[in-house]
Amino acid sequence: MIRVGLALLLWLPGLALALEVGLVTGLSGAVTVQGQAVQAFAKLHEGERLSLGDKARVQLVLFASGAEQIWQGPGELQVAADDVLALSQGLSPQVRQLPRVLVRQLAKTPAPDGQIKAGMVRLRSMPSGGTLESVENRYSQLRREAAREDRNPELYLLASYFELQEYAKLQGLLQKMAKAEPEDAQVKLLQSLYARAISNARNAAAP
C-alpha cells in the first residue's frame, strides 16, 4: 500500500521527485545539466542530460550498481535509473566496481546549493556506516587499495564521521586535506558543504 501511494505521489503534477541515482565525485572542464553548470559532489537524478564540453571530464558513482564511471567530453549523456548512457557517438566510459560499503557512504555526501531539488536516493536501505573503530579500519583498507589521487576513501571517511557526529575528527580531516592541496577548489567546496551540514545538524539538535 505504501509503495502504491509513493508511486502515485511521484506522478502527481508538480510533485514529481527525480530519483537520486548517482554522485559526481570528480569534475574538470565545462559540464552542464539542463543548461546549468554542474558542481562537484552534486547528486545526479534519473532523466537528467549532461553536456560535456571539449576536454571536459566527469567522474561519477552510481548508487544502484556501485559502478564508478569516468567520461571524457565532448558529448552528451543521459542519466538512467542504474546507468549513464552515451547520446553522442564515440563516447564510452572507464568503469570500475566499488565496494558497496563505500558507495553507501558516498551517497551521504552533502550536496551543493543551487542544484535541482533533491529527490529520493535510489537505495533500498542506507544503514549506519558502523562504529568509529570499524569506519577508521575500513578507511585504512580503502586508502591502501586506492591510487594516491583517488579521493573516494576520504569522501567515505568524511561521510562516516558526519554520520557518527564526530565533527572534530571530520574538521581535522578536512584541514589535513586542505593543507595537502591548498589550491584545490573541490577540497574548499567540501569544507563549505560540511560546515553547512554540521551547522544544520547542530541547529536541529538544539532544544
Protein backbone atom coordinates (compact mmCIF):
# COMPACT_ATOMS: atom_id res chain seq x y z
CA MET A 1 0.00 0.00 0.00
CA ILE A 2 2.87 2.34 0.88
CA ARG A 3 4.56 1.58 -2.43
CA VAL A 4 1.37 2.36 -4.33
CA GLY A 5 0.95 5.67 -2.50
CA LEU A 6 4.54 6.60 -3.21
CA ALA A 7 4.18 5.73 -6.87
CA LEU A 8 1.09 7.95 -7.11
CA LEU A 9 2.93 10.79 -5.42
CA LEU A 10 5.76 10.55 -7.91
CA TRP A 11 3.29 11.03 -10.76
CA LEU A 12 1.30 13.93 -9.32
CA PRO A 13 1.86 17.07 -11.43
CA GLY A 14 4.25 19.49 -9.77
CA LEU A 15 5.20 16.95 -7.09
CA ALA A 16 7.29 14.55 -9.14
CA LEU A 17 10.55 13.72 -7.43
CA ALA A 18 13.51 12.73 -9.56
CA LEU A 19 15.33 9.77 -8.10
CA GLU A 20 18.87 10.44 -6.93
CA VAL A 21 20.84 7.76 -8.73
CA GLY A 22 24.43 8.94 -8.54
CA LEU A 23 27.05 11.37 -7.27
CA VAL A 24 29.62 13.47 -9.12
CA THR A 25 32.91 12.71 -7.36
CA GLY A 26 35.28 14.49 -9.73
CA LEU A 27 34.97 17.21 -12.33
CA SER A 28 37.04 19.31 -14.70
CA GLY A 29 36.13 21.48 -17.66
CA ALA A 30 32.66 22.58 -18.74
CA VAL A 31 29.89 20.17 -17.71
CA THR A 32 26.24 21.25 -17.61
CA VAL A 33 22.89 19.67 -16.77
CA GLN A 34 19.73 21.18 -18.22
CA GLY A 35 21.88 24.17 -19.18
CA GLN A 36 23.22 24.78 -15.66
CA ALA A 37 26.82 24.22 -14.63
CA VAL A 38 27.41 21.01 -12.68
CA GLN A 39 29.34 21.21 -9.43
CA ALA A 40 31.46 18.52 -7.86
CA PHE A 41 29.51 16.43 -5.32
CA ALA A 42 26.19 17.20 -7.00
CA LYS A 43 23.66 14.38 -6.97
CA LEU A 44 22.57 13.01 -10.34
CA HIS A 45 18.88 12.43 -10.96
CA GLU A 46 17.16 9.95 -13.24
CA GLY A 47 16.26 11.59 -16.55
CA GLU A 48 18.88 14.34 -16.49
CA ARG A 49 21.03 15.13 -19.53
CA LEU A 50 24.67 16.03 -19.11
CA SER A 51 26.58 18.06 -21.68
CA LEU A 52 30.36 17.72 -21.64
CA GLY A 53 32.43 20.39 -23.32
CA ASP A 54 35.66 19.82 -25.20
CA LYS A 55 38.21 18.11 -22.90
CA ALA A 56 35.68 18.07 -20.03
CA ARG A 57 35.94 15.16 -17.60
CA VAL A 58 33.34 13.92 -15.13
CA GLN A 59 33.76 11.12 -12.60
CA LEU A 60 30.60 9.72 -11.06
CA VAL A 61 29.36 6.89 -8.88
CA LEU A 62 26.05 5.09 -9.49
CA PHE A 63 24.25 4.09 -6.31
CA ALA A 64 22.30 1.09 -7.59
CA SER A 65 25.11 -0.70 -9.42
CA GLY A 66 28.08 0.57 -7.41
CA ALA A 67 29.89 1.40 -10.65
CA GLU A 68 32.28 4.32 -10.93
CA GLN A 69 32.36 5.84 -14.40
CA ILE A 70 34.75 8.41 -15.89
CA TRP A 71 33.61 10.19 -19.05
CA GLN A 72 35.63 12.48 -21.30
CA GLY A 73 33.97 15.12 -23.49
CA PRO A 74 32.84 16.48 -25.75
CA GLY A 75 29.42 14.86 -25.92
CA GLU A 76 26.00 14.29 -24.37
CA LEU A 77 24.99 11.81 -21.66
CA GLN A 78 21.62 10.62 -20.36
CA VAL A 79 21.22 9.61 -16.71
CA ALA A 80 19.13 6.45 -16.37
CA ALA A 81 17.93 4.62 -13.26
CA ASP A 82 21.04 2.48 -12.88
CA ASP A 83 23.39 3.64 -15.64
CA VAL A 84 24.57 6.62 -17.68
CA LEU A 85 24.06 6.33 -21.42
CA ALA A 86 26.06 7.99 -24.18
CA LEU A 87 23.97 10.06 -26.56
CA SER A 88 26.97 11.05 -28.67
CA GLN A 89 28.82 8.70 -30.95
CA GLY A 90 32.25 7.63 -29.78
CA LEU A 91 31.67 8.29 -26.07
CA SER A 92 32.46 5.43 -23.71
CA PRO A 93 33.40 5.49 -20.03
CA GLN A 94 36.18 3.98 -17.98
CA VAL A 95 34.37 1.78 -15.46
CA ARG A 96 35.31 0.08 -12.21
CA GLN A 97 33.25 -1.52 -9.47
CA LEU A 98 33.34 -0.01 -5.98
CA PRO A 99 32.67 -1.80 -2.67
CA ARG A 100 29.05 -1.43 -1.55
CA VAL A 101 30.08 -0.05 1.84
CA LEU A 102 31.97 2.73 0.05
CA VAL A 103 29.07 3.54 -2.29
CA ARG A 104 26.62 3.64 0.61
CA GLN A 105 28.66 6.32 2.38
CA LEU A 106 29.47 8.30 -0.77
CA ALA A 107 25.71 8.66 -1.30
CA LYS A 108 25.53 10.57 2.00
CA THR A 109 27.92 13.34 0.91
CA PRO A 110 26.20 16.74 1.37
CA ALA A 111 25.09 18.23 -1.94
CA PRO A 112 25.91 21.78 -3.12
CA ASP A 113 23.38 24.60 -3.15
CA GLY A 114 21.72 25.61 -6.36
CA GLN A 115 21.15 22.18 -7.88
CA ILE A 116 17.80 20.67 -8.84
CA LYS A 117 15.71 19.85 -5.78
CA ALA A 118 16.73 16.64 -4.13
CA GLY A 119 14.62 13.59 -4.74
CA MET A 120 14.80 10.14 -3.21
CA VAL A 121 18.06 8.24 -3.11
CA ARG A 122 17.83 5.09 -5.19
CA LEU A 123 18.95 2.68 -2.49
CA ARG A 124 16.76 0.16 -0.72
CA SER A 125 18.41 0.98 2.58
CA MET A 126 21.24 3.14 3.81
CA PRO A 127 22.14 1.82 7.25
CA SER A 128 24.80 3.25 9.51
CA GLY A 129 28.36 3.00 8.26
CA GLY A 130 29.45 1.31 11.50
CA THR A 131 31.31 2.20 14.70
CA LEU A 132 34.14 4.70 14.81
CA GLU A 133 36.68 1.90 15.04
CA SER A 134 35.22 -0.08 12.13
CA VAL A 135 34.94 3.07 10.00
CA GLU A 136 38.55 4.05 10.55
CA ASN A 137 39.75 0.49 9.92
CA ARG A 138 37.74 0.39 6.69
CA TYR A 139 39.18 3.75 5.65
CA SER A 140 42.73 2.47 6.19
CA GLN A 141 41.96 -0.51 3.96
CA LEU A 142 40.36 1.66 1.27
CA ARG A 143 43.31 4.06 1.32
CA ARG A 144 45.83 1.22 0.97
CA GLU A 145 43.98 -0.15 -2.05
CA ALA A 146 43.31 3.21 -3.75
CA ALA A 147 45.51 5.25 -6.05
CA ARG A 148 47.12 8.28 -4.42
CA GLU A 149 44.93 10.72 -6.37
CA ASP A 150 41.70 8.81 -5.60
CA ARG A 151 39.67 10.84 -3.10
CA ASN A 152 36.93 8.23 -2.55
CA PRO A 153 38.44 6.92 0.71
CA GLU A 154 38.40 10.44 2.18
CA LEU A 155 34.82 11.00 0.99
CA TYR A 156 33.90 7.75 2.73
CA LEU A 157 35.56 8.83 5.97
CA LEU A 158 34.06 12.33 5.92
CA ALA A 159 30.52 10.99 5.45
CA SER A 160 31.07 8.39 8.17
CA TYR A 161 32.43 10.94 10.66
CA PHE A 162 29.43 13.14 9.98
CA GLU A 163 27.01 10.26 10.48
CA LEU A 164 28.70 9.39 13.78
CA GLN A 165 28.67 13.08 14.81
CA GLU A 166 32.46 13.04 15.09
CA TYR A 167 32.63 16.65 13.97
CA ALA A 168 36.09 17.40 15.39
CA LYS A 169 37.56 14.44 13.51
CA LEU A 170 35.70 15.50 10.35
CA GLN A 171 37.05 19.03 10.54
CA GLY A 172 40.53 17.71 11.27
CA LEU A 173 40.44 15.56 8.15
CA LEU A 174 39.28 18.49 6.04
CA GLN A 175 42.11 20.63 7.41
CA LYS A 176 44.59 17.89 6.55
CA MET A 177 43.22 17.68 3.00
CA ALA A 178 43.38 21.47 2.62
CA LYS A 179 46.96 21.57 3.85
CA ALA A 180 47.97 18.88 1.35
CA GLU A 181 46.14 20.64 -1.53
CA PRO A 182 45.65 24.31 -0.56
CA GLU A 183 44.53 25.40 -4.04
CA ASP A 184 42.13 22.56 -4.71
CA ALA A 185 38.66 24.01 -5.35
CA GLN A 186 36.91 20.71 -4.60
CA VAL A 187 38.51 20.48 -1.15
CA LYS A 188 37.34 24.03 -0.46
CA LEU A 189 33.85 23.05 -1.60
CA LEU A 190 33.87 20.05 0.74
CA GLN A 191 34.81 22.36 3.62
CA SER A 192 31.84 24.59 2.77
CA LEU A 193 29.39 21.71 2.35
CA TYR A 194 30.30 20.07 5.64
CA ALA A 195 30.41 23.37 7.54
CA ARG A 196 26.80 23.94 6.48
CA ALA A 197 25.80 20.34 7.21
CA ILE A 198 27.31 20.47 10.72
CA SER A 199 25.63 23.80 11.42
CA ASN A 200 22.27 22.44 10.27
CA ALA A 201 22.68 19.28 12.34
CA ARG A 202 23.56 21.21 15.48
CA ASN A 203 20.66 23.61 14.99
CA ALA A 204 18.27 20.70 14.52
CA ALA A 205 19.53 19.07 17.73
CA ALA A 206 19.28 22.25 19.79
CA PRO A 207 16.36 22.35 22.27
